[in-house]
Amino acid sequence: MMKNTEWGAVAYLSHSKYGINYEIRINNNNSFKTGYAATTENGIGSTTDVAMWNTPTGYLASTTGNITGVYDMSGGAHELVMGVQADESGQPLSGRHNIYNSGFNGKLGCPTCDPSVSGVDSSITKIIDGMNFPDSKYYDIYKYDEVNTSRKRRILGDAAGELGPFKISSINNSPISSWYSDNAYFVYNINPWISRGGYINNQNNAGVFYYGAHVGHASNTSSFRIIFAI
């Protein structure tokens, strides 16, 4: 599963002479189908106003601006990556609480959050019957914090903390970066996992430089990307 720093590498390559060197067109297909592109720039337009991957407009959703690039890195579904915040002792958190978590063994960032969600048990402070985290080379880990704007914890090259200056969006009051006004929520204890790219409803705030904080569990608006390590 793709690490956050690996996503950052692809993002920066897209914004260079080796890539499209421009904002990647959002995938605005409302059925979460791969390889689609909005036909209008800087906005999703209608969710039925889409172009296929193998058309001149569809190429604009590729990291290279042609058919050989990487698709679906802007919009579509949130993409979860292997980037997670550590607990206070430096070990990766499993997730928010006993319902919203990754399934990996580890502490929970906010066992008392979401008391109205069915099944939440604030007495459960860690996951002990899940899977062990893989070797540390397969995930990025970020220092503990309880604020989603403490971006100095970033890993150089992950296309997160280095995207400033940051400001607040006038559209939805979300923190955004100076790179195409993409969302810029960093991980913190309540949402310790990183998601990238945004999804269709993020509209102009989606993009290859989008990053958000996620609880870690599976959802019908989230996906992930497999890469091969050689």
Foldseek 3Di string as FASTA:
>chain_A
DAALLNLLVLQVCLCDPNHVVDFAFAQLQPVLDWQKGAPDPLWNPDNVRIDGCQDQRSLSQFSHSHNPGDHNQAARFWAFHQEFEADQVRHGAQFAAPVQGAQEWHFHLHLPPPPVDPPRDSVDGIDDPGHHDPPPVRYHYFYADAAFVPLVRDDPSSLASVQADWDADPPPRAIAGPRQRAGHGHAYSNQTTKIGQHHNVVISNGGSSHIHGHRNDDDPRYDHDDDDDD
